[in-house]
């Protein structure tokens, strides 16, 4: 997990978001009415994803350095998708109980889907820039 006040790198941010999504998929399938006995700590993973989204676009801008111009339009898209995803996460986190149905609805959110597609594209683009797979 992350330490409060410590800035995450771009790969750490991507990992936190992907881990939260994977846990959300599993949680949604469990048929829970609430998260009172949640040993997987869905709230902690959602909070970690929320923190990872805070400053995601500037982090990408920094990661691409001199090529920031080529990424400028996409960074604006990522920033908007991250903002919308954070709004959805925060709405869910504000609920007293996190049911499987609520998390399933969050999973289905077009904002979550757009963000995931964004970070998959970013990840692959950065791998291509450095010549790694």
C-alpha atoms as a PDB file:
ATOM      1  CA  UNK A   1       0.000   0.000   0.000  1.00  0.00           C
ATOM      2  CA  UNK A   2       1.004   3.627  -0.118  1.00  0.00           C
ATOM      3  CA  UNK A   3       2.329   5.884   2.581  1.00  0.00           C
ATOM      4  CA  UNK A   4       0.351   9.105   3.068  1.00  0.00           C
ATOM      5  CA  UNK A   5       2.224  12.140   1.758  1.00  0.00           C
ATOM      6  CA  UNK A   6       4.555  10.094  -0.467  1.00  0.00           C
ATOM      7  CA  UNK A   7       4.185  10.824  -4.177  1.00  0.00           C
ATOM      8  CA  UNK A   8       3.525   7.791  -6.327  1.00  0.00           C
ATOM      9  CA  UNK A   9       5.349   7.139  -9.562  1.00  0.00           C
ATOM     10  CA  UNK A  10       3.338   6.653 -12.733  1.00  0.00           C
ATOM     11  CA  UNK A  11       3.752   2.840 -12.683  1.00  0.00           C
ATOM     12  CA  UNK A  12       2.681   2.777  -9.005  1.00  0.00           C
ATOM     13  CA  UNK A  13      -0.394   4.840  -9.817  1.00  0.00           C
ATOM     14  CA  UNK A  14      -1.329   2.565 -12.702  1.00  0.00           C
ATOM     15  CA  UNK A  15      -0.841  -0.497 -10.508  1.00  0.00           C
ATOM     16  CA  UNK A  16      -3.023   0.940  -7.719  1.00  0.00           C
ATOM     17  CA  UNK A  17      -5.846   1.684 -10.154  1.00  0.00           C
ATOM     18  CA  UNK A  18      -5.614  -1.740 -11.803  1.00  0.00           C
ATOM     19  CA  UNK A  19      -5.524  -3.530  -8.434  1.00  0.00           C
ATOM     20  CA  UNK A  20      -8.608  -1.681  -7.255  1.00  0.00           C
ATOM     21  CA  UNK A  21     -10.459  -2.588 -10.435  1.00  0.00           C
ATOM     22  CA  UNK A  22      -9.508  -6.268 -10.136  1.00  0.00           C
ATOM     23  CA  UNK A  23     -10.699  -6.314  -6.519  1.00  0.00           C
ATOM     24  CA  UNK A  24     -13.921  -4.540  -7.501  1.00  0.00           C
ATOM     25  CA  UNK A  25     -14.643  -7.289 -10.042  1.00  0.00           C
ATOM     26  CA  UNK A  26     -14.161  -9.991  -7.409  1.00  0.00           C
ATOM     27  CA  UNK A  27     -16.130  -8.073  -4.774  1.00  0.00           C
ATOM     28  CA  UNK A  28     -19.053  -7.499  -7.119  1.00  0.00           C
ATOM     29  CA  UNK A  29     -19.386 -11.253  -7.622  1.00  0.00           C
ATOM     30  CA  UNK A  30     -19.636 -12.003  -3.885  1.00  0.00           C
ATOM     31  CA  UNK A  31     -23.252 -10.974  -3.325  1.00  0.00           C
ATOM     32  CA  UNK A  32     -22.446  -8.832  -0.276  1.00  0.00           C
ATOM     33  CA  UNK A  33     -24.966  -6.478   1.262  1.00  0.00           C
ATOM     34  CA  UNK A  34     -22.251  -4.422   2.967  1.00  0.00           C
ATOM     35  CA  UNK A  35     -18.528  -4.321   3.605  1.00  0.00           C
ATOM     36  CA  UNK A  36     -18.653  -4.759   7.394  1.00  0.00           C
ATOM     37  CA  UNK A  37     -16.801  -8.084   7.329  1.00  0.00           C
ATOM     38  CA  UNK A  38     -14.721  -7.342   4.239  1.00  0.00           C
ATOM     39  CA  UNK A  39     -11.365  -9.029   4.674  1.00  0.00           C
ATOM     40  CA  UNK A  40     -10.261  -7.719   1.271  1.00  0.00           C
ATOM     41  CA  UNK A  41     -10.755  -4.116   2.417  1.00  0.00           C
ATOM     42  CA  UNK A  42     -12.541  -2.803  -0.650  1.00  0.00           C
ATOM     43  CA  UNK A  43     -12.629   0.679   0.863  1.00  0.00           C
ATOM     44  CA  UNK A  44      -8.864   0.762   1.313  1.00  0.00           C
ATOM     45  CA  UNK A  45      -8.307  -0.204  -2.334  1.00  0.00           C
ATOM     46  CA  UNK A  46     -10.824   2.379  -3.542  1.00  0.00           C
ATOM     47  CA  UNK A  47      -9.142   5.034  -1.395  1.00  0.00           C
ATOM     48  CA  UNK A  48      -5.760   4.023  -2.796  1.00  0.00           C
ATOM     49  CA  UNK A  49      -7.118   4.314  -6.358  1.00  0.00           C
ATOM     50  CA  UNK A  50      -8.553   7.735  -5.508  1.00  0.00           C
ATOM     51  CA  UNK A  51      -5.151   8.857  -4.242  1.00  0.00           C
ATOM     52  CA  UNK A  52      -3.456   7.442  -7.347  1.00  0.00           C
ATOM     53  CA  UNK A  53      -5.796   9.469  -9.548  1.00  0.00           C
ATOM     54  CA  UNK A  54      -4.917  12.702  -7.737  1.00  0.00           C
ATOM     55  CA  UNK A  55      -2.217  14.201  -9.934  1.00  0.00           C
ATOM     56  CA  UNK A  56      -2.187  11.371 -12.487  1.00  0.00           C
ATOM     57  CA  UNK A  57      -2.119  13.686 -15.523  1.00  0.00           C
ATOM     58  CA  UNK A  58       0.772  15.839 -14.234  1.00  0.00           C
ATOM     59  CA  UNK A  59       2.618  12.644 -13.378  1.00  0.00           C
ATOM     60  CA  UNK A  60       2.238  11.462 -16.985  1.00  0.00           C
ATOM     61  CA  UNK A  61       3.326  14.875 -18.246  1.00  0.00           C
ATOM     62  CA  UNK A  62       6.477  14.579 -16.165  1.00  0.00           C
ATOM     63  CA  UNK A  63       7.088  10.978 -17.267  1.00  0.00           C
ATOM     64  CA  UNK A  64       7.028  11.867 -20.967  1.00  0.00           C
ATOM     65  CA  UNK A  65       9.318  14.858 -20.477  1.00  0.00           C
ATOM     66  CA  UNK A  66      10.380  16.378 -23.770  1.00  0.00           C
ATOM     67  CA  UNK A  67       7.595  14.579 -25.640  1.00  0.00           C
ATOM     68  CA  UNK A  68       4.903  16.243 -23.541  1.00  0.00           C
ATOM     69  CA  UNK A  69       3.741  18.173 -26.626  1.00  0.00           C
ATOM     70  CA  UNK A  70       2.889  14.949 -28.458  1.00  0.00           C
ATOM     71  CA  UNK A  71       0.959  13.771 -25.393  1.00  0.00           C
ATOM     72  CA  UNK A  72      -0.729  17.110 -24.605  1.00  0.00           C
ATOM     73  CA  UNK A  73      -4.181  16.362 -26.018  1.00  0.00           C
ATOM     74  CA  UNK A  74      -4.247  12.891 -24.507  1.00  0.00           C
ATOM     75  CA  UNK A  75      -3.086  14.194 -21.127  1.00  0.00           C
ATOM     76  CA  UNK A  76      -6.091  16.545 -21.165  1.00  0.00           C
ATOM     77  CA  UNK A  77      -8.376  13.562 -21.848  1.00  0.00           C
ATOM     78  CA  UNK A  78      -6.722  11.556 -19.067  1.00  0.00           C
ATOM     79  CA  UNK A  79      -7.099  14.451 -16.653  1.00  0.00           C
ATOM     80  CA  UNK A  80     -10.816  14.728 -17.413  1.00  0.00           C
ATOM     81  CA  UNK A  81     -11.385  10.962 -17.150  1.00  0.00           C
ATOM     82  CA  UNK A  82      -9.449  10.843 -13.864  1.00  0.00           C
ATOM     83  CA  UNK A  83     -11.586  13.683 -12.461  1.00  0.00           C
ATOM     84  CA  UNK A  84     -14.805  11.912 -13.429  1.00  0.00           C
ATOM     85  CA  UNK A  85     -13.599   8.596 -12.039  1.00  0.00           C
ATOM     86  CA  UNK A  86     -12.629  10.252  -8.761  1.00  0.00           C
ATOM     87  CA  UNK A  87     -16.129  11.724  -8.519  1.00  0.00           C
ATOM     88  CA  UNK A  88     -17.626   8.246  -8.899  1.00  0.00           C
ATOM     89  CA  UNK A  89     -15.184   6.718  -6.402  1.00  0.00           C
ATOM     90  CA  UNK A  90     -15.893   9.414  -3.855  1.00  0.00           C
ATOM     91  CA  UNK A  91     -19.640   8.998  -4.245  1.00  0.00           C
ATOM     92  CA  UNK A  92     -19.277   5.278  -3.553  1.00  0.00           C
ATOM     93  CA  UNK A  93     -16.839   5.807  -0.667  1.00  0.00           C
ATOM     94  CA  UNK A  94     -19.297   8.215   0.970  1.00  0.00           C
ATOM     95  CA  UNK A  95     -21.824   5.399   1.363  1.00  0.00           C
ATOM     96  CA  UNK A  96     -22.195   3.722   4.731  1.00  0.00           C
ATOM     97  CA  UNK A  97     -22.322   0.243   3.191  1.00  0.00           C
ATOM     98  CA  UNK A  98     -20.620  -0.997   0.049  1.00  0.00           C
ATOM     99  CA  UNK A  99     -22.767  -3.724  -1.434  1.00  0.00           C
ATOM    100  CA  UNK A 100     -21.683  -5.965  -4.259  1.00  0.00           C
ATOM    101  CA  UNK A 101     -24.388  -4.361  -6.410  1.00  0.00           C
ATOM    102  CA  UNK A 102     -23.045  -0.878  -5.733  1.00  0.00           C
ATOM    103  CA  UNK A 103     -19.509  -1.962  -6.641  1.00  0.00           C
ATOM    104  CA  UNK A 104     -20.829  -3.746  -9.734  1.00  0.00           C
ATOM    105  CA  UNK A 105     -22.491  -0.509 -10.817  1.00  0.00           C
ATOM    106  CA  UNK A 106     -19.227   1.338 -10.233  1.00  0.00           C
ATOM    107  CA  UNK A 107     -17.431  -1.273 -12.360  1.00  0.00           C
ATOM    108  CA  UNK A 108     -19.895  -0.642 -15.168  1.00  0.00           C
ATOM    109  CA  UNK A 109     -19.406   3.121 -15.046  1.00  0.00           C
ATOM    110  CA  UNK A 110     -18.329   4.509 -18.392  1.00  0.00           C
ATOM    111  CA  UNK A 111     -15.949   6.769 -16.485  1.00  0.00           C
ATOM    112  CA  UNK A 112     -14.118   3.816 -14.930  1.00  0.00           C
ATOM    113  CA  UNK A 113     -13.981   2.063 -18.304  1.00  0.00           C
ATOM    114  CA  UNK A 114     -12.635   5.153 -20.056  1.00  0.00           C
ATOM    115  CA  UNK A 115      -9.973   5.649 -17.399  1.00  0.00           C
ATOM    116  CA  UNK A 116      -8.872   2.018 -17.567  1.00  0.00           C
ATOM    117  CA  UNK A 117      -8.576   2.238 -21.337  1.00  0.00           C
ATOM    118  CA  UNK A 118      -6.577   5.450 -20.910  1.00  0.00           C
ATOM    119  CA  UNK A 119      -4.074   3.890 -18.536  1.00  0.00           C
ATOM    120  CA  UNK A 120      -3.722   0.751 -20.658  1.00  0.00           C
ATOM    121  CA  UNK A 121      -2.946   2.995 -23.628  1.00  0.00           C
ATOM    122  CA  UNK A 122      -0.498   5.059 -21.575  1.00  0.00           C
ATOM    123  CA  UNK A 123       1.234   1.947 -20.303  1.00  0.00           C
ATOM    124  CA  UNK A 124       1.642   0.480 -23.792  1.00  0.00           C
ATOM    125  CA  UNK A 125       2.718   3.833 -25.266  1.00  0.00           C
ATOM    126  CA  UNK A 126       5.403   4.270 -22.638  1.00  0.00           C
ATOM    127  CA  UNK A 127       6.619   0.712 -23.164  1.00  0.00           C
ATOM    128  CA  UNK A 128       6.858   1.405 -26.898  1.00  0.00           C
ATOM    129  CA  UNK A 129       8.829   4.609 -26.245  1.00  0.00           C
ATOM    130  CA  UNK A 130      11.410   2.750 -24.217  1.00  0.00           C
ATOM    131  CA  UNK A 131      11.418  -0.354 -26.440  1.00  0.00           C
ATOM    132  CA  UNK A 132      10.156  -2.704 -23.697  1.00  0.00           C
ATOM    133  CA  UNK A 133       7.249  -5.108 -23.704  1.00  0.00           C
END
